[in-house]
Amino acid sequence: MNIPPELRYSTDHEWVRVEGSIATIGITEYAQDALGDVVFVEMPETGIAVAAGDSFTEVESTKSVSDIYAPVTGSISEVNEALEGQPELLNSDPYGDGWICRIEFTDASQLDELMDADAYRALTEG
């Protein structure tokens, strides 16, 4: 299973790529595999405030509907418009073109609560 070492991970199977005060958020390969074929992504609104641990959008697959949780507190600064027409990007490229949104975060210390790749691998294999 692909678990990029440069990312951080939540126990809810979201990944976080940090660039300055912006966190790009997506779901992990493990999560997309468990979901099956993604058929719809509810796009969050830009500008809304989100709190770490709160659900801010949903992903619908052929198997179920799953909440996506904010790994950090902040406001949504950008959404991946490509997912509206191509939700399957979450399956085919979860760490690249399949990102969901970007959050401008307010508390960098929350990043310390996320797992590194080794801890996430232990979670998914355990």
C-alpha atoms as a PDB file:
ATOM      1  CA  MET A   1       0.000   0.000   0.000  1.00  0.00           C
ATOM      2  CA  ASN A   2       1.249   3.459  -0.919  1.00  0.00           C
ATOM      3  CA  ILE A   3       1.788   5.666   2.162  1.00  0.00           C
ATOM      4  CA  PRO A   4       3.891   8.682   1.090  1.00  0.00           C
ATOM      5  CA  PRO A   5       6.451   9.516   3.801  1.00  0.00           C
ATOM      6  CA  GLU A   6       6.187  13.307   3.365  1.00  0.00           C
ATOM      7  CA  LEU A   7       2.510  13.414   4.403  1.00  0.00           C
ATOM      8  CA  ARG A   8       0.799  13.376   7.801  1.00  0.00           C
ATOM      9  CA  TYR A   9      -2.222  11.133   8.511  1.00  0.00           C
ATOM     10  CA  SER A  10      -5.324  11.137  10.689  1.00  0.00           C
ATOM     11  CA  THR A  11      -6.869   8.108  12.360  1.00  0.00           C
ATOM     12  CA  ASP A  12      -9.905   8.778  10.116  1.00  0.00           C
ATOM     13  CA  HIS A  13      -7.736   8.036   7.042  1.00  0.00           C
ATOM     14  CA  GLU A  14      -7.267  11.568   5.747  1.00  0.00           C
ATOM     15  CA  TRP A  15      -3.856  12.707   4.574  1.00  0.00           C
ATOM     16  CA  VAL A  16      -2.372  16.193   4.994  1.00  0.00           C
ATOM     17  CA  ARG A  17       0.279  17.898   2.868  1.00  0.00           C
ATOM     18  CA  VAL A  18       1.555  21.081   4.564  1.00  0.00           C
ATOM     19  CA  GLU A  19       2.849  24.081   2.620  1.00  0.00           C
ATOM     20  CA  GLY A  20       3.287  27.121   4.865  1.00  0.00           C
ATOM     21  CA  SER A  21      -0.051  27.654   6.616  1.00  0.00           C
ATOM     22  CA  ILE A  22      -2.013  25.676   4.013  1.00  0.00           C
ATOM     23  CA  ALA A  23      -2.963  22.027   4.516  1.00  0.00           C
ATOM     24  CA  THR A  24      -4.046  20.116   1.423  1.00  0.00           C
ATOM     25  CA  ILE A  25      -6.455  17.347   2.468  1.00  0.00           C
ATOM     26  CA  GLY A  26      -7.412  14.079   0.799  1.00  0.00           C
ATOM     27  CA  ILE A  27      -8.270  10.488   1.664  1.00  0.00           C
ATOM     28  CA  THR A  28      -5.642   7.781   1.813  1.00  0.00           C
ATOM     29  CA  GLU A  29      -5.209   4.877  -0.550  1.00  0.00           C
ATOM     30  CA  TYR A  30      -6.395   2.640   2.296  1.00  0.00           C
ATOM     31  CA  ALA A  31      -9.623   4.686   2.626  1.00  0.00           C
ATOM     32  CA  GLN A  32     -10.400   4.769  -1.084  1.00  0.00           C
ATOM     33  CA  ASP A  33      -9.803   1.022  -1.303  1.00  0.00           C
ATOM     34  CA  ALA A  34     -12.236   0.408   1.571  1.00  0.00           C
ATOM     35  CA  LEU A  35     -14.819   2.699  -0.026  1.00  0.00           C
ATOM     36  CA  GLY A  36     -14.733   1.091  -3.460  1.00  0.00           C
ATOM     37  CA  ASP A  37     -15.601   3.079  -6.571  1.00  0.00           C
ATOM     38  CA  VAL A  38     -16.256   6.717  -5.636  1.00  0.00           C
ATOM     39  CA  VAL A  39     -19.259   8.108  -7.522  1.00  0.00           C
ATOM     40  CA  PHE A  40     -19.818  11.506  -5.856  1.00  0.00           C
ATOM     41  CA  VAL A  41     -17.932  14.008  -3.692  1.00  0.00           C
ATOM     42  CA  GLU A  42     -19.903  16.689  -1.877  1.00  0.00           C
ATOM     43  CA  MET A  43     -17.721  19.736  -2.320  1.00  0.00           C
ATOM     44  CA  PRO A  44     -17.263  21.869   0.802  1.00  0.00           C
ATOM     45  CA  GLU A  45     -17.752  25.628   0.490  1.00  0.00           C
ATOM     46  CA  THR A  46     -14.711  27.852   0.332  1.00  0.00           C
ATOM     47  CA  GLY A  47     -14.494  30.301   3.197  1.00  0.00           C
ATOM     48  CA  ILE A  48     -16.259  28.131   5.762  1.00  0.00           C
ATOM     49  CA  ALA A  49     -14.607  27.545   9.106  1.00  0.00           C
ATOM     50  CA  VAL A  50     -13.845  23.955  10.104  1.00  0.00           C
ATOM     51  CA  ALA A  51     -12.682  22.523  13.412  1.00  0.00           C
ATOM     52  CA  ALA A  52     -10.261  19.621  13.739  1.00  0.00           C
ATOM     53  CA  GLY A  53     -12.205  16.391  14.095  1.00  0.00           C
ATOM     54  CA  ASP A  54     -15.438  17.744  12.609  1.00  0.00           C
ATOM     55  CA  SER A  55     -17.037  16.326   9.478  1.00  0.00           C
ATOM     56  CA  PHE A  56     -16.950  18.892   6.666  1.00  0.00           C
ATOM     57  CA  THR A  57     -17.988  16.894   3.592  1.00  0.00           C
ATOM     58  CA  GLU A  58     -19.038  13.452   2.344  1.00  0.00           C
ATOM     59  CA  VAL A  59     -17.835  10.964  -0.223  1.00  0.00           C
ATOM     60  CA  GLU A  60     -20.302   8.561  -1.806  1.00  0.00           C
ATOM     61  CA  SER A  61     -19.169   5.255  -3.241  1.00  0.00           C
ATOM     62  CA  THR A  62     -20.845   2.184  -4.635  1.00  0.00           C
ATOM     63  CA  LYS A  63     -20.611   0.711  -1.117  1.00  0.00           C
ATOM     64  CA  SER A  64     -21.482   3.574   1.255  1.00  0.00           C
ATOM     65  CA  VAL A  65     -21.475   7.259   2.129  1.00  0.00           C
ATOM     66  CA  SER A  66     -18.562   8.342   4.324  1.00  0.00           C
ATOM     67  CA  ASP A  67     -17.894  11.546   6.214  1.00  0.00           C
ATOM     68  CA  ILE A  68     -14.594  13.318   5.704  1.00  0.00           C
ATOM     69  CA  TYR A  69     -13.156  14.936   8.830  1.00  0.00           C
ATOM     70  CA  ALA A  70     -11.004  18.038   9.120  1.00  0.00           C
ATOM     71  CA  PRO A  71      -7.577  17.081  10.464  1.00  0.00           C
ATOM     72  CA  VAL A  72      -6.844  20.726  11.387  1.00  0.00           C
ATOM     73  CA  THR A  73      -8.817  23.820  12.418  1.00  0.00           C
ATOM     74  CA  GLY A  74      -9.046  26.683   9.954  1.00  0.00           C
ATOM     75  CA  SER A  75     -10.996  27.835   6.938  1.00  0.00           C
ATOM     76  CA  ILE A  76     -11.396  26.180   3.561  1.00  0.00           C
ATOM     77  CA  SER A  77      -9.363  28.233   1.104  1.00  0.00           C
ATOM     78  CA  GLU A  78      -9.777  26.103  -2.035  1.00  0.00           C
ATOM     79  CA  VAL A  79     -11.679  23.052  -3.256  1.00  0.00           C
ATOM     80  CA  ASN A  80     -10.722  20.613  -6.000  1.00  0.00           C
ATOM     81  CA  GLU A  81     -13.311  21.493  -8.659  1.00  0.00           C
ATOM     82  CA  ALA A  82     -12.141  18.573 -10.822  1.00  0.00           C
ATOM     83  CA  LEU A  83     -13.833  16.143  -8.409  1.00  0.00           C
ATOM     84  CA  GLU A  84     -17.276  17.452  -9.391  1.00  0.00           C
ATOM     85  CA  GLY A  85     -16.935  15.907 -12.838  1.00  0.00           C
ATOM     86  CA  GLN A  86     -14.415  13.200 -11.973  1.00  0.00           C
ATOM     87  CA  PRO A  87     -15.024  11.849  -8.456  1.00  0.00           C
ATOM     88  CA  GLU A  88     -13.113   8.710  -9.474  1.00  0.00           C
ATOM     89  CA  LEU A  89      -9.883  10.736  -9.079  1.00  0.00           C
ATOM     90  CA  LEU A  90     -10.114   9.784  -5.400  1.00  0.00           C
ATOM     91  CA  ASN A  91      -9.607   6.173  -6.511  1.00  0.00           C
ATOM     92  CA  SER A  92      -7.116   6.623  -9.326  1.00  0.00           C
ATOM     93  CA  ASP A  93      -4.853   9.305  -7.785  1.00  0.00           C
ATOM     94  CA  PRO A  94      -5.678   9.773  -4.073  1.00  0.00           C
ATOM     95  CA  TYR A  95      -2.398  11.560  -3.259  1.00  0.00           C
ATOM     96  CA  GLY A  96      -2.259  13.702  -6.402  1.00  0.00           C
ATOM     97  CA  ASP A  97      -5.169  14.926  -8.507  1.00  0.00           C
ATOM     98  CA  GLY A  98      -7.621  13.394  -6.024  1.00  0.00           C
ATOM     99  CA  TRP A  99      -7.092  15.956  -3.250  1.00  0.00           C
ATOM    100  CA  ILE A 100     -10.345  17.314  -1.785  1.00  0.00           C
ATOM    101  CA  CYS A 101      -9.616  20.780  -0.394  1.00  0.00           C
ATOM    102  CA  ARG A 102      -7.094  23.125   1.120  1.00  0.00           C
ATOM    103  CA  ILE A 103      -7.480  24.488   4.638  1.00  0.00           C
ATOM    104  CA  GLU A 104      -5.689  27.576   5.872  1.00  0.00           C
ATOM    105  CA  PHE A 105      -4.979  26.392   9.394  1.00  0.00           C
ATOM    106  CA  THR A 106      -4.718  28.471  12.534  1.00  0.00           C
ATOM    107  CA  ASP A 107      -2.853  26.204  14.956  1.00  0.00           C
ATOM    108  CA  ALA A 108       0.282  24.506  13.668  1.00  0.00           C
ATOM    109  CA  SER A 109       0.577  22.480  16.875  1.00  0.00           C
ATOM    110  CA  GLN A 110      -2.376  20.361  15.663  1.00  0.00           C
ATOM    111  CA  LEU A 111      -0.059  18.904  13.022  1.00  0.00           C
ATOM    112  CA  ASP A 112       1.877  17.227  15.847  1.00  0.00           C
ATOM    113  CA  GLU A 113      -1.244  15.208  16.678  1.00  0.00           C
ATOM    114  CA  LEU A 114      -1.253  13.620  13.212  1.00  0.00           C
ATOM    115  CA  MET A 115       0.644  10.430  12.423  1.00  0.00           C
ATOM    116  CA  ASP A 116       3.711  10.068  10.274  1.00  0.00           C
ATOM    117  CA  ALA A 117       3.828   7.395   7.566  1.00  0.00           C
ATOM    118  CA  ASP A 118       5.249   4.694   9.851  1.00  0.00           C
ATOM    119  CA  ALA A 119       2.546   5.217  12.495  1.00  0.00           C
ATOM    120  CA  TYR A 120      -0.171   5.235   9.829  1.00  0.00           C
ATOM    121  CA  ARG A 121       1.205   2.017   8.316  1.00  0.00           C
ATOM    122  CA  ALA A 122       1.092   0.406  11.775  1.00  0.00           C
ATOM    123  CA  LEU A 123      -2.535   1.550  12.174  1.00  0.00           C
ATOM    124  CA  THR A 124      -3.643   0.088   8.843  1.00  0.00           C
ATOM    125  CA  GLU A 125      -1.726  -3.164   9.238  1.00  0.00           C
ATOM    126  CA  GLY A 126      -2.743  -3.672  12.872  1.00  0.00           C
END
